[in-house]
C-alpha atoms as a PDB file:
ATOM      1  CA  MET A   1       9.405 -15.570   6.747  1.00  0.00           C
ATOM      2  CA  PRO A   2       6.171 -13.929   8.191  1.00  0.00           C
ATOM      3  CA  SER A   3       3.014 -14.963   6.003  1.00  0.00           C
ATOM      4  CA  ASP A   4      -0.123 -12.661   5.169  1.00  0.00           C
ATOM      5  CA  GLU A   5      -1.577 -13.843   8.123  1.00  0.00           C
ATOM      6  CA  MET A   6       0.953 -11.819  10.361  1.00  0.00           C
ATOM      7  CA  ILE A   7      -0.375  -8.757  11.838  1.00  0.00           C
ATOM      8  CA  GLY A   8       1.607  -5.468  13.296  1.00  0.00           C
ATOM      9  CA  VAL A   9      -0.498  -2.910  15.104  1.00  0.00           C
ATOM     10  CA  ASP A  10       0.391   1.176  14.640  1.00  0.00           C
ATOM     11  CA  ALA A  11       0.595   4.084  16.899  1.00  0.00           C
ATOM     12  CA  SER A  12      -2.887   4.582  16.612  1.00  0.00           C
ATOM     13  CA  GLY A  13      -4.014   0.927  17.796  1.00  0.00           C
ATOM     14  CA  GLN A  14      -5.115   0.272  13.902  1.00  0.00           C
ATOM     15  CA  VAL A  15      -4.480  -3.348  13.173  1.00  0.00           C
ATOM     16  CA  ARG A  16      -2.157  -4.148   9.923  1.00  0.00           C
ATOM     17  CA  PRO A  17      -1.001  -6.761   8.226  1.00  0.00           C
ATOM     18  CA  MET A  18       2.594  -7.725   7.162  1.00  0.00           C
ATOM     19  CA  ARG A  19       3.305  -8.592   3.984  1.00  0.00           C
ATOM     20  CA  ILE A  20       5.929  -8.650   1.350  1.00  0.00           C
ATOM     21  CA  CYS A  21       6.380  -5.956  -1.281  1.00  0.00           C
ATOM     22  CA  GLY A  22       6.986  -7.935  -4.498  1.00  0.00           C
ATOM     23  CA  GLY A  23       5.618  -9.512  -7.420  1.00  0.00           C
ATOM     24  CA  LEU A  24       6.161 -10.126 -10.698  1.00  0.00           C
ATOM     25  CA  GLY A  25       9.750  -9.332 -10.530  1.00  0.00           C
ATOM     26  CA  VAL A  26       9.446  -5.722  -9.008  1.00  0.00           C
ATOM     27  CA  GLY A  27       9.525  -4.941  -5.326  1.00  0.00           C
ATOM     28  CA  CYS A  28      11.924  -4.554  -2.636  1.00  0.00           C
ATOM     29  CA  GLY A  29      11.129  -7.837  -0.965  1.00  0.00           C
ATOM     30  CA  LYS A  30      10.977  -6.179   2.371  1.00  0.00           C
ATOM     31  CA  VAL A  31       8.238  -7.369   4.958  1.00  0.00           C
ATOM     32  CA  ASP A  32       5.910  -4.465   7.124  1.00  0.00           C
ATOM     33  CA  ASP A  33       2.690  -3.186   7.346  1.00  0.00           C
ATOM     34  CA  HIS A  34       3.550  -0.083   4.868  1.00  0.00           C
ATOM     35  CA  PRO A  35       0.777   0.959   2.374  1.00  0.00           C
ATOM     36  CA  ARG A  36       0.588  -0.753  -0.469  1.00  0.00           C
ATOM     37  CA  HIS A  37      -0.525  -1.212  -3.880  1.00  0.00           C
ATOM     38  CA  VAL A  38      -2.466  -4.441  -4.345  1.00  0.00           C
ATOM     39  CA  ILE A  39      -2.755  -5.971  -8.359  1.00  0.00           C
ATOM     40  CA  GLU A  40      -4.659  -8.694  -8.940  1.00  0.00           C
ATOM     41  CA  LEU A  41      -3.196 -11.318 -11.023  1.00  0.00           C
ATOM     42  CA  PRO A  42      -4.785 -14.165 -12.964  1.00  0.00           C
ATOM     43  CA  GLY A  43      -5.950 -17.266 -11.296  1.00  0.00           C
ATOM     44  CA  GLY A  44      -6.893 -14.979  -8.208  1.00  0.00           C
ATOM     45  CA  ALA A  45      -3.432 -14.064  -7.314  1.00  0.00           C
ATOM     46  CA  GLU A  46      -2.043 -10.890  -5.951  1.00  0.00           C
ATOM     47  CA  ALA A  47       0.975  -8.932  -6.353  1.00  0.00           C
ATOM     48  CA  LEU A  48       1.586  -6.322  -3.377  1.00  0.00           C
ATOM     49  CA  TYR A  49       4.167  -3.646  -3.737  1.00  0.00           C
ATOM     50  CA  HIS A  50       4.851  -0.537  -1.591  1.00  0.00           C
ATOM     51  CA  LEU A  51       3.659   2.688  -3.205  1.00  0.00           C
ATOM     52  CA  ASP A  52       7.384   4.479  -3.214  1.00  0.00           C
ATOM     53  CA  CYS A  53       8.888   0.744  -4.788  1.00  0.00           C
ATOM     54  CA  HIS A  54       5.984   0.575  -7.370  1.00  0.00           C
ATOM     55  CA  ALA A  55       6.128   4.278  -8.291  1.00  0.00           C
ATOM     56  CA  ALA A  56       9.961   3.793  -8.913  1.00  0.00           C
ATOM     57  CA  ALA A  57       9.102   1.017 -11.608  1.00  0.00           C
ATOM     58  CA  GLY A  58       6.519   3.432 -13.453  1.00  0.00           C
ATOM     59  CA  CYS A  59       3.490   2.945 -11.832  1.00  0.00           C
ATOM     60  CA  ALA A  60       1.263   6.719 -12.188  1.00  0.00           C
ATOM     61  CA  SER A  61      -0.786   5.800 -10.160  1.00  0.00           C
ATOM     62  CA  CYS A  62       1.591   5.120  -7.185  1.00  0.00           C
ATOM     63  CA  ALA A  63       3.654   8.174  -8.032  1.00  0.00           C
ATOM     64  CA  GLU A  64       0.654  10.730  -8.046  1.00  0.00           C
ATOM     65  CA  GLN A  65      -0.583   9.431  -4.523  1.00  0.00           C
ATOM     66  CA  ILE A  66       2.711   9.733  -3.181  1.00  0.00           C
ATOM     67  CA  SER A  67       3.309  13.261  -4.886  1.00  0.00           C
ATOM     68  CA  GLY A  68       4.066  15.874  -2.429  1.00  0.00           C
ATOM     69  CA  ARG A  69       5.132  13.627   0.794  1.00  0.00           C
ATOM     70  CA  PRO A  70       8.265  14.221   2.597  1.00  0.00           C
ATOM     71  CA  GLN A  71      10.826  12.146   1.001  1.00  0.00           C
ATOM     72  CA  SER A  72      11.640  10.395   3.672  1.00  0.00           C
ATOM     73  CA  ALA A  73       8.227   9.267   4.791  1.00  0.00           C
ATOM     74  CA  THR A  74       7.371   5.515   4.920  1.00  0.00           C
ATOM     75  CA  GLY A  75       5.221   3.112   6.837  1.00  0.00           C
ATOM     76  CA  ALA A  76       2.646   5.206   9.638  1.00  0.00           C
ATOM     77  CA  GLU A  77       4.166   8.607   8.380  1.00  0.00           C
ATOM     78  CA  LEU A  78       3.436   7.538   4.890  1.00  0.00           C
ATOM     79  CA  LEU A  79       0.253   6.377   5.910  1.00  0.00           C
ATOM     80  CA  ASP A  80      -0.513  10.092   7.682  1.00  0.00           C
ATOM     81  CA  HIS A  81       0.391  11.852   3.882  1.00  0.00           C
ATOM     82  CA  LEU A  82      -2.414   9.143   2.246  1.00  0.00           C
ATOM     83  CA  LEU A  83      -5.122   9.720   4.953  1.00  0.00           C
ATOM     84  CA  ALA A  84      -4.461  13.663   4.774  1.00  0.00           C
ATOM     85  CA  GLN A  85      -5.182  13.594   1.288  1.00  0.00           C
ATOM     86  CA  ALA A  86      -7.597  11.229   1.145  1.00  0.00           C
ATOM     87  CA  PRO A  87     -11.188  12.910   0.599  1.00  0.00           C
ATOM     88  CA  ALA A  88     -13.862  12.459   3.437  1.00  0.00           C
ATOM     89  CA  VAL A  89     -16.245   9.842   3.068  1.00  0.00           C
ATOM     90  CA  PRO A  90     -19.258  10.059   5.317  1.00  0.00           C
ATOM     91  CA  GLN A  91     -20.457   6.123   5.017  1.00  0.00           C
ATOM     92  CA  ALA A  92     -16.874   4.998   5.757  1.00  0.00           C
ATOM     93  CA  GLU A  93     -16.787   2.077   8.484  1.00  0.00           C
ATOM     94  CA  ASP A  94     -13.098   2.979   8.997  1.00  0.00           C
ATOM     95  CA  PRO A  95     -12.146   6.711   8.127  1.00  0.00           C
ATOM     96  CA  ALA A  96      -8.555   5.735   8.657  1.00  0.00           C
ATOM     97  CA  ALA A  97      -9.091   3.270   5.556  1.00  0.00           C
ATOM     98  CA  VAL A  98      -7.184   4.481   2.419  1.00  0.00           C
ATOM     99  CA  ASN A  99      -8.455   3.063  -1.096  1.00  0.00           C
ATOM    100  CA  ILE A 100      -5.492   2.183  -3.112  1.00  0.00           C
ATOM    101  CA  PRO A 101      -6.804   1.083  -6.874  1.00  0.00           C
ATOM    102  CA  VAL A 102      -6.679  -2.538  -7.656  1.00  0.00           C
ATOM    103  CA  ASP A 103      -5.538  -3.165 -11.067  1.00  0.00           C
ATOM    104  CA  THR A 104      -6.126  -6.065 -13.134  1.00  0.00           C
ATOM    105  CA  PRO A 105      -3.196  -6.477 -15.808  1.00  0.00           C
ATOM    106  CA  GLU A 106      -4.372  -6.522 -19.082  1.00  0.00           C
ATOM    107  CA  ASP A 107      -4.132  -9.769 -21.073  1.00  0.00           C
END
């Protein structure tokens, strides 16, 4: 199985990490470079979910981010949708960066 250290390059030349979708019993288990919601777990571990997988599991943040997207949009198409929705950040080093909130589960 690919590790988090493996990378992919999208059509625009952006390098995107290849990671699994899942953790805490949620997620589809696919390994790809699609946009993810990253959740910090106790002890510094992380769970990473496709936005559509996490929205289907009840995440309001993910549901809001993917609202209005074409239903079949995943991967690069979903990233394009997210970038079109993102507010301009004048000082961003990487204008293609999409900030997806990082949640910390409550104790």
